[in-house]
């Protein structure tokens, strides 16, 4: 007697974080999102569901608002953007 031992497939998603090139700072968020959607070539990607553009300086200020010292906030942002 044979049994079907195939593993059921589960839907999967990938979350990708990228650092943008310096010239991206000259573009609007809408322009950046459009260029990513139109030009991204990601293997196994059915569709791009969401793109979030984050201003690094805003993240730095947000860390400081939560009581993180300036030096620690800058070090965290440097690690994040490397």
PDB file of N, CA and C in Angstrom:
ATOM      1  N   UNK A   1       0.831  -1.159   0.000  1.00  0.00           N
ATOM      2  CA  UNK A   1       0.000   0.000   0.000  1.00  0.00           C
ATOM      3  C   UNK A   1       0.890   1.241   0.000  1.00  0.00           C
ATOM      4  N   UNK A   2       0.550   2.229  -0.831  1.00  0.00           N
ATOM      5  CA  UNK A   2       1.315   3.467  -0.902  1.00  0.00           C
ATOM      6  C   UNK A   2       0.506   4.602  -0.287  1.00  0.00           C
ATOM      7  N   UNK A   3       1.224   5.480   0.372  1.00  0.00           N
ATOM      8  CA  UNK A   3       0.588   6.642   0.976  1.00  0.00           C
ATOM      9  C   UNK A   3       1.116   7.894   0.305  1.00  0.00           C
ATOM     10  N   UNK A   4       0.262   8.883   0.174  1.00  0.00           N
ATOM     11  CA  UNK A   4       0.682  10.171  -0.365  1.00  0.00           C
ATOM     12  C   UNK A   4       1.331  10.962   0.769  1.00  0.00           C
ATOM     13  N   UNK A   5       2.634  11.142   0.697  1.00  0.00           N
ATOM     14  CA  UNK A   5       3.355  11.843   1.757  1.00  0.00           C
ATOM     15  C   UNK A   5       3.834  13.218   1.298  1.00  0.00           C
ATOM     16  N   UNK A   6       3.214  13.734   0.258  1.00  0.00           N
ATOM     17  CA  UNK A   6       3.636  15.053  -0.212  1.00  0.00           C
ATOM     18  C   UNK A   6       3.303  16.108   0.843  1.00  0.00           C
ATOM     19  N   UNK A   7       4.148  17.081   0.931  1.00  0.00           N
ATOM     20  CA  UNK A   7       3.979  18.153   1.896  1.00  0.00           C
ATOM     21  C   UNK A   7       3.079  19.218   1.268  1.00  0.00           C
ATOM     22  N   UNK A   8       2.037  19.641   1.971  1.00  0.00           N
ATOM     23  CA  UNK A   8       1.177  20.679   1.397  1.00  0.00           C
ATOM     24  C   UNK A   8       1.952  21.986   1.250  1.00  0.00           C
ATOM     25  N   UNK A   9       1.696  22.689   0.169  1.00  0.00           N
ATOM     26  CA  UNK A   9       2.393  23.955  -0.037  1.00  0.00           C
ATOM     27  C   UNK A   9       1.708  25.059   0.752  1.00  0.00           C
ATOM     28  N   UNK A  10       2.504  25.935   1.282  1.00  0.00           N
ATOM     29  CA  UNK A  10       2.004  27.064   2.051  1.00  0.00           C
ATOM     30  C   UNK A  10       2.328  28.346   1.291  1.00  0.00           C
ATOM     31  N   UNK A  11       1.395  29.281   1.245  1.00  0.00           N
ATOM     32  CA  UNK A  11       1.709  30.564   0.604  1.00  0.00           C
ATOM     33  C   UNK A  11       2.855  31.239   1.354  1.00  0.00           C
ATOM     34  N   UNK A  12       3.704  31.896   0.619  1.00  0.00           N
ATOM     35  CA  UNK A  12       4.856  32.563   1.241  1.00  0.00           C
ATOM     36  C   UNK A  12       4.966  33.985   0.725  1.00  0.00           C
ATOM     37  N   UNK A  13       5.557  34.833   1.540  1.00  0.00           N
ATOM     38  CA  UNK A  13       5.859  36.204   1.162  1.00  0.00           C
ATOM     39  C   UNK A  13       7.307  36.488   1.512  1.00  0.00           C
ATOM     40  N   UNK A  14       7.912  37.371   0.760  1.00  0.00           N
ATOM     41  CA  UNK A  14       9.267  37.824   1.062  1.00  0.00           C
ATOM     42  C   UNK A  14       9.207  39.307   1.419  1.00  0.00           C
ATOM     43  N   UNK A  15       9.976  39.709   2.408  1.00  0.00           N
ATOM     44  CA  UNK A  15      10.110  41.115   2.775  1.00  0.00           C
ATOM     45  C   UNK A  15      11.550  41.493   2.477  1.00  0.00           C
ATOM     46  N   UNK A  16      11.732  42.449   1.587  1.00  0.00           N
ATOM     47  CA  UNK A  16      13.063  42.845   1.137  1.00  0.00           C
ATOM     48  C   UNK A  16      13.296  44.293   1.545  1.00  0.00           C
ATOM     49  N   UNK A  17      14.414  44.551   2.188  1.00  0.00           N
ATOM     50  CA  UNK A  17      14.798  45.916   2.545  1.00  0.00           C
ATOM     51  C   UNK A  17      16.005  46.296   1.713  1.00  0.00           C
ATOM     52  N   UNK A  18      15.932  47.436   1.053  1.00  0.00           N
ATOM     53  CA  UNK A  18      17.047  47.876   0.213  1.00  0.00           C
ATOM     54  C   UNK A  18      17.466  49.287   0.617  1.00  0.00           C
ATOM     55  N   UNK A  19      18.727  49.583   0.442  1.00  0.00           N
ATOM     56  CA  UNK A  19      19.235  50.938   0.593  1.00  0.00           C
ATOM     57  C   UNK A  19      19.259  51.555  -0.797  1.00  0.00           C
ATOM     58  N   UNK A  20      18.666  52.728  -0.923  1.00  0.00           N
ATOM     59  CA  UNK A  20      18.602  53.401  -2.210  1.00  0.00           C
ATOM     60  C   UNK A  20      19.905  54.139  -2.503  1.00  0.00           C
ATOM     61  N   UNK A  21      20.168  54.317  -3.771  1.00  0.00           N
ATOM     62  CA  UNK A  21      21.346  55.069  -4.196  1.00  0.00           C
ATOM     63  C   UNK A  21      21.193  56.540  -3.811  1.00  0.00           C
ATOM     64  N   UNK A  22      22.301  57.275  -3.666  1.00  0.00           N
ATOM     65  CA  UNK A  22      22.216  58.688  -3.265  1.00  0.00           C
ATOM     66  C   UNK A  22      21.319  59.528  -4.189  1.00  0.00           C
ATOM     67  N   UNK A  23      21.286  59.216  -5.477  1.00  0.00           N
ATOM     68  CA  UNK A  23      20.467  60.018  -6.392  1.00  0.00           C
ATOM     69  C   UNK A  23      18.966  59.891  -6.121  1.00  0.00           C
ATOM     70  N   UNK A  24      18.564  58.891  -5.339  1.00  0.00           N
ATOM     71  CA  UNK A  24      17.153  58.740  -4.978  1.00  0.00           C
ATOM     72  C   UNK A  24      16.679  59.911  -4.122  1.00  0.00           C
ATOM     73  N   UNK A  25      17.595  60.568  -3.424  1.00  0.00           N
ATOM     74  CA  UNK A  25      17.203  61.698  -2.582  1.00  0.00           C
ATOM     75  C   UNK A  25      16.696  62.872  -3.417  1.00  0.00           C
ATOM     76  N   UNK A  26      16.980  62.862  -4.714  1.00  0.00           N
ATOM     77  CA  UNK A  26      16.522  63.926  -5.605  1.00  0.00           C
ATOM     78  C   UNK A  26      15.149  63.610  -6.208  1.00  0.00           C
ATOM     79  N   UNK A  27      14.608  62.427  -5.934  1.00  0.00           N
ATOM     80  CA  UNK A  27      13.326  62.003  -6.506  1.00  0.00           C
ATOM     81  C   UNK A  27      12.245  62.017  -5.436  1.00  0.00           C
ATOM     82  N   UNK A  28      10.999  62.158  -5.894  1.00  0.00           N
ATOM     83  CA  UNK A  28       9.881  62.091  -4.958  1.00  0.00           C
ATOM     84  C   UNK A  28       9.615  60.626  -4.612  1.00  0.00           C
ATOM     85  N   UNK A  29       8.879  60.421  -3.536  1.00  0.00           N
ATOM     86  CA  UNK A  29       8.500  59.070  -3.125  1.00  0.00           C
ATOM     87  C   UNK A  29       7.722  58.373  -4.240  1.00  0.00           C
ATOM     88  N   UNK A  30       6.815  59.093  -4.875  1.00  0.00           N
ATOM     89  CA  UNK A  30       6.009  58.521  -5.967  1.00  0.00           C
ATOM     90  C   UNK A  30       6.898  58.085  -7.130  1.00  0.00           C
ATOM     91  N   UNK A  31       7.882  58.903  -7.474  1.00  0.00           N
ATOM     92  CA  UNK A  31       8.806  58.551  -8.557  1.00  0.00           C
ATOM     93  C   UNK A  31       9.618  57.302  -8.210  1.00  0.00           C
ATOM     94  N   UNK A  32      10.091  57.230  -6.990  1.00  0.00           N
ATOM     95  CA  UNK A  32      10.892  56.073  -6.556  1.00  0.00           C
ATOM     96  C   UNK A  32      10.044  54.808  -6.612  1.00  0.00           C
ATOM     97  N   UNK A  33       8.829  54.870  -6.067  1.00  0.00           N
ATOM     98  CA  UNK A  33       7.942  53.703  -6.080  1.00  0.00           C
ATOM     99  C   UNK A  33       7.653  53.266  -7.515  1.00  0.00           C
ATOM    100  N   UNK A  34       7.397  54.214  -8.394  1.00  0.00           N
ATOM    101  CA  UNK A  34       7.114  53.892  -9.787  1.00  0.00           C
ATOM    102  C   UNK A  34       8.293  53.214 -10.468  1.00  0.00           C
ATOM    103  N   UNK A  35       9.474  53.739 -10.240  1.00  0.00           N
ATOM    104  CA  UNK A  35      10.668  53.138 -10.853  1.00  0.00           C
ATOM    105  C   UNK A  35      10.926  51.737 -10.324  1.00  0.00           C
ATOM    106  N   UNK A  36      10.697  51.536  -9.028  1.00  0.00           N
ATOM    107  CA  UNK A  36      10.888  50.198  -8.456  1.00  0.00           C
ATOM    108  C   UNK A  36       9.873  49.231  -9.066  1.00  0.00           C
ATOM    109  N   UNK A  37       8.604  49.628  -9.110  1.00  0.00           N
ATOM    110  CA  UNK A  37       7.568  48.751  -9.677  1.00  0.00           C
ATOM    111  C   UNK A  37       7.844  48.418 -11.144  1.00  0.00           C
ATOM    112  N   UNK A  38       8.280  49.395 -11.901  1.00  0.00           N
ATOM    113  CA  UNK A  38       8.486  49.196 -13.341  1.00  0.00           C
ATOM    114  C   UNK A  38       9.780  48.461 -13.681  1.00  0.00           C
ATOM    115  N   UNK A  39      10.781  48.568 -12.834  1.00  0.00           N
ATOM    116  CA  UNK A  39      12.096  48.041 -13.188  1.00  0.00           C
ATOM    117  C   UNK A  39      12.579  46.858 -12.352  1.00  0.00           C
ATOM    118  N   UNK A  40      11.900  46.562 -11.253  1.00  0.00           N
ATOM    119  CA  UNK A  40      12.364  45.480 -10.377  1.00  0.00           C
ATOM    120  C   UNK A  40      12.248  44.129 -11.084  1.00  0.00           C
ATOM    121  N   UNK A  41      13.292  43.363 -10.986  1.00  0.00           N
ATOM    122  CA  UNK A  41      13.301  41.995 -11.500  1.00  0.00           C
ATOM    123  C   UNK A  41      13.667  41.084 -10.330  1.00  0.00           C
ATOM    124  N   UNK A  42      12.646  40.539  -9.696  1.00  0.00           N
ATOM    125  CA  UNK A  42      12.836  39.727  -8.500  1.00  0.00           C
ATOM    126  C   UNK A  42      12.421  38.295  -8.833  1.00  0.00           C
ATOM    127  N   UNK A  43      13.344  37.342  -8.744  1.00  0.00           N
ATOM    128  CA  UNK A  43      12.993  35.952  -9.045  1.00  0.00           C
ATOM    129  C   UNK A  43      11.844  35.466  -8.160  1.00  0.00           C
ATOM    130  N   UNK A  44      10.956  34.697  -8.733  1.00  0.00           N
ATOM    131  CA  UNK A  44       9.813  34.085  -8.056  1.00  0.00           C
ATOM    132  C   UNK A  44       8.770  35.097  -7.585  1.00  0.00           C
ATOM    133  N   UNK A  45       8.863  36.338  -8.033  1.00  0.00           N
ATOM    134  CA  UNK A  45       7.936  37.381  -7.609  1.00  0.00           C
ATOM    135  C   UNK A  45       6.719  37.400  -8.525  1.00  0.00           C
ATOM    136  N   UNK A  46       5.549  37.192  -7.934  1.00  0.00           N
ATOM    137  CA  UNK A  46       4.290  37.262  -8.678  1.00  0.00           C
ATOM    138  C   UNK A  46       3.874  38.720  -8.864  1.00  0.00           C
ATOM    139  N   UNK A  47       3.905  39.480  -7.775  1.00  0.00           N
ATOM    140  CA  UNK A  47       3.578  40.899  -7.824  1.00  0.00           C
ATOM    141  C   UNK A  47       4.212  41.610  -6.628  1.00  0.00           C
ATOM    142  N   UNK A  48       4.417  42.892  -6.783  1.00  0.00           N
ATOM    143  CA  UNK A  48       4.892  43.711  -5.669  1.00  0.00           C
ATOM    144  C   UNK A  48       3.654  44.298  -5.019  1.00  0.00           C
ATOM    145  N   UNK A  49       3.385  43.910  -3.785  1.00  0.00           N
ATOM    146  CA  UNK A  49       2.177  44.348  -3.090  1.00  0.00           C
ATOM    147  C   UNK A  49       2.327  45.741  -2.488  1.00  0.00           C
ATOM    148  N   UNK A  50       3.466  46.011  -1.890  1.00  0.00           N
ATOM    149  CA  UNK A  50       3.629  47.290  -1.195  1.00  0.00           C
ATOM    150  C   UNK A  50       5.084  47.736  -1.254  1.00  0.00           C
ATOM    151  N   UNK A  51       5.256  49.029  -1.377  1.00  0.00           N
ATOM    152  CA  UNK A  51       6.587  49.636  -1.313  1.00  0.00           C
ATOM    153  C   UNK A  51       6.493  50.770  -0.302  1.00  0.00           C
ATOM    154  N   UNK A  52       7.404  50.772   0.653  1.00  0.00           N
ATOM    155  CA  UNK A  52       7.450  51.839   1.648  1.00  0.00           C
ATOM    156  C   UNK A  52       8.788  52.549   1.522  1.00  0.00           C
ATOM    157  N   UNK A  53       8.734  53.842   1.359  1.00  0.00           N
ATOM    158  CA  UNK A  53       9.950  54.650   1.292  1.00  0.00           C
ATOM    159  C   UNK A  53      10.079  55.358   2.638  1.00  0.00           C
ATOM    160  N   UNK A  54      11.238  55.242   3.250  1.00  0.00           N
ATOM    161  CA  UNK A  54      11.447  55.777   4.588  1.00  0.00           C
ATOM    162  C   UNK A  54      12.561  56.815   4.557  1.00  0.00           C
ATOM    163  N   UNK A  55      12.305  57.957   5.143  1.00  0.00           N
ATOM    164  CA  UNK A  55      13.321  58.997   5.261  1.00  0.00           C
ATOM    165  C   UNK A  55      14.193  58.669   6.468  1.00  0.00           C
ATOM    166  N   UNK A  56      15.452  58.423   6.236  1.00  0.00           N
ATOM    167  CA  UNK A  56      16.368  58.008   7.309  1.00  0.00           C
ATOM    168  C   UNK A  56      16.461  59.075   8.399  1.00  0.00           C
ATOM    169  N   UNK A  57      16.463  60.344   8.014  1.00  0.00           N
ATOM    170  CA  UNK A  57      16.543  61.396   9.029  1.00  0.00           C
ATOM    171  C   UNK A  57      15.310  61.407   9.918  1.00  0.00           C
ATOM    172  N   UNK A  58      14.149  61.104   9.356  1.00  0.00           N
ATOM    173  CA  UNK A  58      12.926  61.033  10.165  1.00  0.00           C
ATOM    174  C   UNK A  58      13.030  59.887  11.169  1.00  0.00           C
ATOM    175  N   UNK A  59      13.607  58.775  10.750  1.00  0.00           N
ATOM    176  CA  UNK A  59      13.792  57.647  11.659  1.00  0.00           C
ATOM    177  C   UNK A  59      14.733  58.017  12.798  1.00  0.00           C
ATOM    178  N   UNK A  60      15.776  58.756  12.481  1.00  0.00           N
ATOM    179  CA  UNK A  60      16.741  59.218  13.481  1.00  0.00           C
ATOM    180  C   UNK A  60      16.032  60.104  14.512  1.00  0.00           C
ATOM    181  N   UNK A  61      15.233  61.046  14.036  1.00  0.00           N
ATOM    182  CA  UNK A  61      14.501  61.947  14.941  1.00  0.00           C
ATOM    183  C   UNK A  61      13.490  61.166  15.789  1.00  0.00           C
ATOM    184  N   UNK A  62      12.863  60.165  15.194  1.00  0.00           N
ATOM    185  CA  UNK A  62      11.889  59.350  15.926  1.00  0.00           C
ATOM    186  C   UNK A  62      12.567  58.585  17.064  1.00  0.00           C
ATOM    187  N   UNK A  63      13.762  58.056  16.810  1.00  0.00           N
ATOM    188  CA  UNK A  63      14.510  57.374  17.867  1.00  0.00           C
ATOM    189  C   UNK A  63      14.810  58.344  19.017  1.00  0.00           C
ATOM    190  N   UNK A  64      15.223  59.551  18.672  1.00  0.00           N
ATOM    191  CA  UNK A  64      15.537  60.540  19.699  1.00  0.00           C
ATOM    192  C   UNK A  64      14.299  60.909  20.513  1.00  0.00           C
ATOM    193  N   UNK A  65      13.125  60.974  19.875  1.00  0.00           N
ATOM    194  CA  UNK A  65      11.880  61.293  20.585  1.00  0.00           C
ATOM    195  C   UNK A  65      11.534  60.216  21.606  1.00  0.00           C
ATOM    196  N   UNK A  66      12.013  59.000  21.369  1.00  0.00           N
ATOM    197  CA  UNK A  66      11.728  57.897  22.286  1.00  0.00           C
ATOM    198  C   UNK A  66      12.811  57.746  23.360  1.00  0.00           C
ATOM    199  N   UNK A  67      13.640  58.773  23.509  1.00  0.00           N
ATOM    200  CA  UNK A  67      14.609  58.774  24.592  1.00  0.00           C
ATOM    201  C   UNK A  67      15.957  58.163  24.264  1.00  0.00           C
ATOM    202  N   UNK A  68      16.189  57.828  22.992  1.00  0.00           N
ATOM    203  CA  UNK A  68      17.488  57.286  22.588  1.00  0.00           C
ATOM    204  C   UNK A  68      18.454  58.455  22.426  1.00  0.00           C
ATOM    205  N   UNK A  69      19.660  58.333  22.961  1.00  0.00           N
ATOM    206  CA  UNK A  69      20.634  59.420  22.848  1.00  0.00           C
ATOM    207  C   UNK A  69      21.023  59.634  21.389  1.00  0.00           C
ATOM    208  N   UNK A  70      21.499  60.824  21.095  1.00  0.00           N
ATOM    209  CA  UNK A  70      21.892  61.162  19.721  1.00  0.00           C
ATOM    210  C   UNK A  70      22.946  60.211  19.184  1.00  0.00           C
ATOM    211  N   UNK A  71      23.953  59.887  20.009  1.00  0.00           N
ATOM    212  CA  UNK A  71      25.027  59.001  19.555  1.00  0.00           C
ATOM    213  C   UNK A  71      24.510  57.598  19.249  1.00  0.00           C
ATOM    214  N   UNK A  72      23.683  57.070  20.129  1.00  0.00           N
ATOM    215  CA  UNK A  72      23.135  55.726  19.915  1.00  0.00           C
ATOM    216  C   UNK A  72      22.211  55.732  18.700  1.00  0.00           C
ATOM    217  N   UNK A  73      21.378  56.766  18.580  1.00  0.00           N
ATOM    218  CA  UNK A  73      20.469  56.860  17.435  1.00  0.00           C
ATOM    219  C   UNK A  73      21.260  56.897  16.130  1.00  0.00           C
ATOM    220  N   UNK A  74      22.330  57.677  16.096  1.00  0.00           N
ATOM    221  CA  UNK A  74      23.143  57.775  14.869  1.00  0.00           C
ATOM    222  C   UNK A  74      23.816  56.437  14.576  1.00  0.00           C
ATOM    223  N   UNK A  75      24.341  55.769  15.616  1.00  0.00           N
ATOM    224  CA  UNK A  75      24.963  54.457  15.410  1.00  0.00           C
ATOM    225  C   UNK A  75      23.961  53.435  14.873  1.00  0.00           C
ATOM    226  N   UNK A  76      22.741  53.439  15.410  1.00  0.00           N
ATOM    227  CA  UNK A  76      21.714  52.536  14.913  1.00  0.00           C
ATOM    228  C   UNK A  76      21.388  52.826  13.460  1.00  0.00           C
ATOM    229  N   UNK A  77      21.273  54.101  13.109  1.00  0.00           N
ATOM    230  CA  UNK A  77      20.965  54.461  11.723  1.00  0.00           C
ATOM    231  C   UNK A  77      22.126  54.093  10.800  1.00  0.00           C
ATOM    232  N   UNK A  78      23.349  54.254  11.264  1.00  0.00           N
ATOM    233  CA  UNK A  78      24.500  53.857  10.455  1.00  0.00           C
ATOM    234  C   UNK A  78      24.504  52.356  10.211  1.00  0.00           C
ATOM    235  N   UNK A  79      24.201  51.571  11.241  1.00  0.00           N
ATOM    236  CA  UNK A  79      24.127  50.119  11.082  1.00  0.00           C
ATOM    237  C   UNK A  79      23.003  49.736  10.123  1.00  0.00           C
ATOM    238  N   UNK A  80      21.880  50.412  10.252  1.00  0.00           N
ATOM    239  CA  UNK A  80      20.701  50.119   9.445  1.00  0.00           C
ATOM    240  C   UNK A  80      20.943  50.412   7.961  1.00  0.00           C
ATOM    241  N   UNK A  81      21.738  51.443   7.677  1.00  0.00           N
ATOM    242  CA  UNK A  81      21.923  51.861   6.278  1.00  0.00           C
ATOM    243  C   UNK A  81      23.191  51.284   5.642  1.00  0.00           C
ATOM    244  N   UNK A  82      23.950  50.484   6.362  1.00  0.00           N
ATOM    245  CA  UNK A  82      25.166  49.898   5.769  1.00  0.00           C
ATOM    246  C   UNK A  82      24.817  48.773   4.826  1.00  0.00           C
TER     247      UNK A  82
END
